[in-house]
Structure formats: C-alpha cells, structure tokens
Amino acid sequence: MKALAGFIMRGHSQAALVATAAALLSLLMPLFGPVGAAAVGLVTLRNGAHQGLTTVALALLGAGILSALALGSPWLALGILLVFWAPIWTLAVVLRASRSLALTIQLAGMLGLILVLALHVSVGDPVAYWSQLLDPLRQTLLADGLMQAEAGQALFD
C-alpha cells in the first residue's frame, strides 16, 4: 500500500489514473471502489481541496472517455463521481480544514442518514424497490440451476 500511495502522490495524472482504473474495475470487483476513492482522499488530505478537485476532474474525464468507449455511454462516470469521489472529497476537505476526526465521522453519518431518508421519501417502500431490482437476478439463478427456489426466496427476502 505504501508503494501505491507513493505512486498516487507523484502527480495528478498518476492519482487520476489510479482513481479511474479502480473505479472502473469496481464494476467487475466491487472491492476496487474504495481504492479509487482513497486516491482522491489522499490527494485532498495531503495537497488541499483544489488539488483534490483537479484529480477528481481528471479522473472524471478519464472515466467518461473509457466508459464511453467500452460501454457506449459516458454517464457511468457521473455515477462514479456521485458514489465514490464526491463524498470522500467532501469528507477529506472537512478533515483537512478541521483536523477533527470526530466532526468528520459525524458529518459522514449525517450524510448517510440524509441519503437513507431521501431513499425512503423518493421510493416509498425500499424493500419492494430492491426486491423489484433483484428479482431478474433471482430468476436467472433459478433458471440456471444455481439456486433452489426456497433457498433463493429466503436469500433475496
């Protein structure tokens, strides 16, 4: 990890490369998502909000181009920005300015609470919403014989 952090801190292009690659790899393996966010957070904490924002902008450009070429739409990059980079950049800016981990964690909790409340207000019943989204996956697993009907229903419930 120290070698990766050293590579990230070499410059904007290296940090943007790690953030972009990790974010796009997170589509295949979700554990790569926090690595890209960590690159943005590290640059922001060490070099300031402007440098972190520059890294985010470069990573957004790179992710937009790569997702447009690979998937046919650059809109995936906006989702990556909203899910991974914007929250960590915001929290890193607060932590750098306040030097208070407690305040930063409280802010993260409040942002999470706001997100949960917004989901409840916009969707109504989150259980039905997620059930509707996951039902095609359950049907595919049942059709392929990878899961028993009773076990699949219990797992997805």
C-alpha atoms as a PDB file:
ATOM      1  CA  MET A   1       0.000   0.000   0.000  1.00  0.00           C
ATOM      2  CA  LYS A   2       2.886   2.336   0.656  1.00  0.00           C
ATOM      3  CA  ALA A   3       4.061   1.878  -2.937  1.00  0.00           C
ATOM      4  CA  LEU A   4       0.567   2.629  -4.244  1.00  0.00           C
ATOM      5  CA  ALA A   5       0.342   5.752  -2.057  1.00  0.00           C
ATOM      6  CA  GLY A   6       3.750   6.861  -3.322  1.00  0.00           C
ATOM      7  CA  PHE A   7       2.611   6.372  -6.914  1.00  0.00           C
ATOM      8  CA  ILE A   8      -0.595   8.347  -6.252  1.00  0.00           C
ATOM      9  CA  MET A   9       1.341  11.231  -4.717  1.00  0.00           C
ATOM     10  CA  ARG A  10       3.671  11.606  -7.725  1.00  0.00           C
ATOM     11  CA  GLY A  11       1.189  13.846  -9.516  1.00  0.00           C
ATOM     12  CA  HIS A  12      -2.311  14.489 -10.756  1.00  0.00           C
ATOM     13  CA  SER A  13      -2.134  12.120 -13.684  1.00  0.00           C
ATOM     14  CA  GLN A  14      -0.991   9.205 -11.533  1.00  0.00           C
ATOM     15  CA  ALA A  15      -3.683   9.845  -8.926  1.00  0.00           C
ATOM     16  CA  ALA A  16      -6.340  10.211 -11.631  1.00  0.00           C
ATOM     17  CA  LEU A  17      -5.134   7.009 -13.283  1.00  0.00           C
ATOM     18  CA  VAL A  18      -5.487   5.045 -10.041  1.00  0.00           C
ATOM     19  CA  ALA A  19      -8.880   6.599  -9.260  1.00  0.00           C
ATOM     20  CA  THR A  20     -10.212   5.925 -12.763  1.00  0.00           C
ATOM     21  CA  ALA A  21      -8.844   2.395 -13.057  1.00  0.00           C
ATOM     22  CA  ALA A  22     -10.043   1.393  -9.608  1.00  0.00           C
ATOM     23  CA  ALA A  23     -13.496   2.887 -10.157  1.00  0.00           C
ATOM     24  CA  LEU A  24     -13.959   1.103 -13.470  1.00  0.00           C
ATOM     25  CA  LEU A  25     -12.596  -2.137 -12.039  1.00  0.00           C
ATOM     26  CA  SER A  26     -15.136  -1.816  -9.253  1.00  0.00           C
ATOM     27  CA  LEU A  27     -17.790  -2.673 -11.830  1.00  0.00           C
ATOM     28  CA  LEU A  28     -16.245  -6.138 -12.022  1.00  0.00           C
ATOM     29  CA  MET A  29     -14.942  -6.431  -8.462  1.00  0.00           C
ATOM     30  CA  PRO A  30     -16.605  -4.032  -6.007  1.00  0.00           C
ATOM     31  CA  LEU A  31     -13.646  -4.023  -3.618  1.00  0.00           C
ATOM     32  CA  PHE A  32     -11.712  -1.791  -6.023  1.00  0.00           C
ATOM     33  CA  GLY A  33     -14.138   1.126  -5.484  1.00  0.00           C
ATOM     34  CA  PRO A  34     -12.685   2.245  -2.152  1.00  0.00           C
ATOM     35  CA  VAL A  35      -9.169   2.186  -3.631  1.00  0.00           C
ATOM     36  CA  GLY A  36     -10.138   4.831  -6.192  1.00  0.00           C
ATOM     37  CA  ALA A  37     -11.875   6.878  -3.526  1.00  0.00           C
ATOM     38  CA  ALA A  38      -8.811   6.555  -1.306  1.00  0.00           C
ATOM     39  CA  ALA A  39      -6.663   8.025  -4.080  1.00  0.00           C
ATOM     40  CA  VAL A  40      -8.901  11.095  -4.215  1.00  0.00           C
ATOM     41  CA  GLY A  41      -8.968  11.341  -0.422  1.00  0.00           C
ATOM     42  CA  LEU A  42      -5.203  11.023  -0.105  1.00  0.00           C
ATOM     43  CA  VAL A  43      -4.501  13.773  -2.621  1.00  0.00           C
ATOM     44  CA  THR A  44      -7.096  16.033  -0.993  1.00  0.00           C
ATOM     45  CA  LEU A  45      -5.761  15.453   2.511  1.00  0.00           C
ATOM     46  CA  ARG A  46      -2.123  15.943   1.579  1.00  0.00           C
ATOM     47  CA  ASN A  47      -2.357  18.720  -1.027  1.00  0.00           C
ATOM     48  CA  GLY A  48      -5.640  20.528  -0.366  1.00  0.00           C
ATOM     49  CA  ALA A  49      -9.125  20.866  -1.801  1.00  0.00           C
ATOM     50  CA  HIS A  50      -8.070  22.421  -5.124  1.00  0.00           C
ATOM     51  CA  GLN A  51      -5.545  19.677  -5.889  1.00  0.00           C
ATOM     52  CA  GLY A  52      -8.084  17.021  -4.919  1.00  0.00           C
ATOM     53  CA  LEU A  53     -10.693  18.615  -7.141  1.00  0.00           C
ATOM     54  CA  THR A  54      -8.211  18.667 -10.022  1.00  0.00           C
ATOM     55  CA  THR A  55      -7.623  14.955  -9.503  1.00  0.00           C
ATOM     56  CA  VAL A  56     -11.378  14.327  -9.460  1.00  0.00           C
ATOM     57  CA  ALA A  57     -11.822  16.321 -12.683  1.00  0.00           C
ATOM     58  CA  LEU A  58      -9.070  14.393 -14.459  1.00  0.00           C
ATOM     59  CA  ALA A  59     -10.407  11.069 -13.184  1.00  0.00           C
ATOM     60  CA  LEU A  60     -13.922  12.049 -14.267  1.00  0.00           C
ATOM     61  CA  LEU A  61     -12.671  12.881 -17.739  1.00  0.00           C
ATOM     62  CA  GLY A  62     -10.773   9.603 -17.973  1.00  0.00           C
ATOM     63  CA  ALA A  63     -13.674   7.543 -16.642  1.00  0.00           C
ATOM     64  CA  GLY A  64     -16.058   9.298 -19.020  1.00  0.00           C
ATOM     65  CA  ILE A  65     -13.895   8.576 -22.041  1.00  0.00           C
ATOM     66  CA  LEU A  66     -13.250   4.959 -21.065  1.00  0.00           C
ATOM     67  CA  SER A  67     -16.876   4.234 -20.232  1.00  0.00           C
ATOM     68  CA  ALA A  68     -17.988   5.852 -23.498  1.00  0.00           C
ATOM     69  CA  LEU A  69     -15.568   3.681 -25.457  1.00  0.00           C
ATOM     70  CA  ALA A  70     -16.224   0.455 -23.568  1.00  0.00           C
ATOM     71  CA  LEU A  71     -19.915   0.754 -22.734  1.00  0.00           C
ATOM     72  CA  GLY A  72     -21.154   3.321 -25.231  1.00  0.00           C
ATOM     73  CA  SER A  73     -22.180   5.906 -22.647  1.00  0.00           C
ATOM     74  CA  PRO A  74     -20.128   8.356 -20.594  1.00  0.00           C
ATOM     75  CA  TRP A  75     -22.866   8.637 -17.924  1.00  0.00           C
ATOM     76  CA  LEU A  76     -21.305   5.890 -15.842  1.00  0.00           C
ATOM     77  CA  ALA A  77     -18.576   8.353 -14.883  1.00  0.00           C
ATOM     78  CA  LEU A  78     -21.161  10.645 -13.303  1.00  0.00           C
ATOM     79  CA  GLY A  79     -22.398   7.772 -11.164  1.00  0.00           C
ATOM     80  CA  ILE A  80     -18.847   7.011 -10.076  1.00  0.00           C
ATOM     81  CA  LEU A  81     -18.379  10.675  -9.180  1.00  0.00           C
ATOM     82  CA  LEU A  82     -21.520  10.752  -7.049  1.00  0.00           C
ATOM     83  CA  VAL A  83     -20.965   7.393  -5.334  1.00  0.00           C
ATOM     84  CA  PHE A  84     -17.202   7.303  -4.768  1.00  0.00           C
ATOM     85  CA  TRP A  85     -15.359  10.555  -5.369  1.00  0.00           C
ATOM     86  CA  ALA A  86     -17.654  13.382  -4.228  1.00  0.00           C
ATOM     87  CA  PRO A  87     -18.339  12.009  -0.729  1.00  0.00           C
ATOM     88  CA  ILE A  88     -14.706  11.185   0.003  1.00  0.00           C
ATOM     89  CA  TRP A  89     -13.520  14.532  -1.377  1.00  0.00           C
ATOM     90  CA  THR A  90     -16.032  16.364   0.829  1.00  0.00           C
ATOM     91  CA  LEU A  91     -15.028  14.433   3.939  1.00  0.00           C
ATOM     92  CA  ALA A  92     -11.317  14.901   3.190  1.00  0.00           C
ATOM     93  CA  VAL A  93     -11.811  18.657   2.838  1.00  0.00           C
ATOM     94  CA  VAL A  94     -13.619  18.775   6.190  1.00  0.00           C
ATOM     95  CA  LEU A  95     -10.963  16.645   7.879  1.00  0.00           C
ATOM     96  CA  ARG A  96      -8.121  18.739   6.464  1.00  0.00           C
ATOM     97  CA  ALA A  97      -9.771  22.019   7.490  1.00  0.00           C
ATOM     98  CA  SER A  98     -10.978  20.996  10.937  1.00  0.00           C
ATOM     99  CA  ARG A  99      -8.386  18.360  11.877  1.00  0.00           C
ATOM    100  CA  SER A 100     -11.222  16.725  13.800  1.00  0.00           C
ATOM    101  CA  LEU A 101     -11.883  13.093  13.037  1.00  0.00           C
ATOM    102  CA  ALA A 102     -14.951  13.182  15.284  1.00  0.00           C
ATOM    103  CA  LEU A 103     -16.501  16.020  13.274  1.00  0.00           C
ATOM    104  CA  THR A 104     -15.722  14.240  10.003  1.00  0.00           C
ATOM    105  CA  ILE A 105     -17.304  10.998  11.193  1.00  0.00           C
ATOM    106  CA  GLN A 106     -20.373  12.887  12.407  1.00  0.00           C
ATOM    107  CA  LEU A 107     -20.680  14.544   9.006  1.00  0.00           C
ATOM    108  CA  ALA A 108     -20.346  11.173   7.266  1.00  0.00           C
ATOM    109  CA  GLY A 109     -23.083   9.766   9.495  1.00  0.00           C
ATOM    110  CA  MET A 110     -25.343  12.730   8.794  1.00  0.00           C
ATOM    111  CA  LEU A 111     -24.778  12.413   5.042  1.00  0.00           C
ATOM    112  CA  GLY A 112     -25.601   8.710   5.266  1.00  0.00           C
ATOM    113  CA  LEU A 113     -28.760   9.465   7.230  1.00  0.00           C
ATOM    114  CA  ILE A 114     -29.818  12.064   4.671  1.00  0.00           C
ATOM    115  CA  LEU A 115     -29.244   9.525   1.901  1.00  0.00           C
ATOM    116  CA  VAL A 116     -31.368   6.900   3.661  1.00  0.00           C
ATOM    117  CA  LEU A 117     -34.162   9.414   4.288  1.00  0.00           C
ATOM    118  CA  ALA A 118     -34.034  10.575   0.670  1.00  0.00           C
ATOM    119  CA  LEU A 119     -34.327   6.958  -0.489  1.00  0.00           C
ATOM    120  CA  HIS A 120     -37.357   6.404   1.742  1.00  0.00           C
ATOM    121  CA  VAL A 121     -39.021   9.598   0.532  1.00  0.00           C
ATOM    122  CA  SER A 122     -38.300   9.044  -3.172  1.00  0.00           C
ATOM    123  CA  VAL A 123     -39.000   5.300  -3.343  1.00  0.00           C
ATOM    124  CA  GLY A 124     -41.615   4.838  -0.665  1.00  0.00           C
ATOM    125  CA  ASP A 125     -41.040   1.185   0.200  1.00  0.00           C
ATOM    126  CA  PRO A 126     -37.331   0.349  -0.137  1.00  0.00           C
ATOM    127  CA  VAL A 127     -37.949  -3.373   0.379  1.00  0.00           C
ATOM    128  CA  ALA A 128     -40.275  -3.547  -2.631  1.00  0.00           C
ATOM    129  CA  TYR A 129     -37.901  -1.375  -4.658  1.00  0.00           C
ATOM    130  CA  TRP A 130     -34.887  -3.615  -4.042  1.00  0.00           C
ATOM    131  CA  SER A 131     -36.985  -6.744  -4.481  1.00  0.00           C
ATOM    132  CA  GLN A 132     -38.071  -5.497  -7.905  1.00  0.00           C
ATOM    133  CA  LEU A 133     -34.460  -4.713  -8.855  1.00  0.00           C
ATOM    134  CA  LEU A 134     -33.079  -8.055  -7.665  1.00  0.00           C
ATOM    135  CA  ASP A 135     -35.871 -10.285  -8.998  1.00  0.00           C
ATOM    136  CA  PRO A 136     -34.327 -10.673 -12.505  1.00  0.00           C
ATOM    137  CA  LEU A 137     -31.089 -11.857 -10.885  1.00  0.00           C
ATOM    138  CA  ARG A 138     -33.004 -14.365  -8.754  1.00  0.00           C
ATOM    139  CA  GLN A 139     -34.881 -15.633 -11.806  1.00  0.00           C
ATOM    140  CA  THR A 140     -31.614 -16.084 -13.704  1.00  0.00           C
ATOM    141  CA  LEU A 141     -30.032 -18.002 -10.838  1.00  0.00           C
ATOM    142  CA  LEU A 142     -33.093 -20.241 -10.599  1.00  0.00           C
ATOM    143  CA  ALA A 143     -33.202 -20.822 -14.366  1.00  0.00           C
ATOM    144  CA  ASP A 144     -29.519 -21.745 -14.456  1.00  0.00           C
ATOM    145  CA  GLY A 145     -29.993 -24.188 -11.579  1.00  0.00           C
ATOM    146  CA  LEU A 146     -27.525 -22.358  -9.363  1.00  0.00           C
ATOM    147  CA  MET A 147     -30.049 -21.924  -6.582  1.00  0.00           C
ATOM    148  CA  GLN A 148     -33.058 -23.796  -5.176  1.00  0.00           C
ATOM    149  CA  ALA A 149     -36.375 -21.958  -5.234  1.00  0.00           C
ATOM    150  CA  GLU A 150     -36.905 -21.969  -1.469  1.00  0.00           C
ATOM    151  CA  ALA A 151     -33.308 -21.028  -0.672  1.00  0.00           C
ATOM    152  CA  GLY A 152     -33.341 -18.311  -3.329  1.00  0.00           C
ATOM    153  CA  GLN A 153     -36.522 -16.754  -1.992  1.00  0.00           C
ATOM    154  CA  ALA A 154     -35.181 -16.801   1.564  1.00  0.00           C
ATOM    155  CA  LEU A 155     -31.841 -15.310   0.465  1.00  0.00           C
ATOM    156  CA  PHE A 156     -33.408 -12.496  -1.527  1.00  0.00           C
ATOM    157  CA  ASP A 157     -36.042 -11.744   1.116  1.00  0.00           C
END
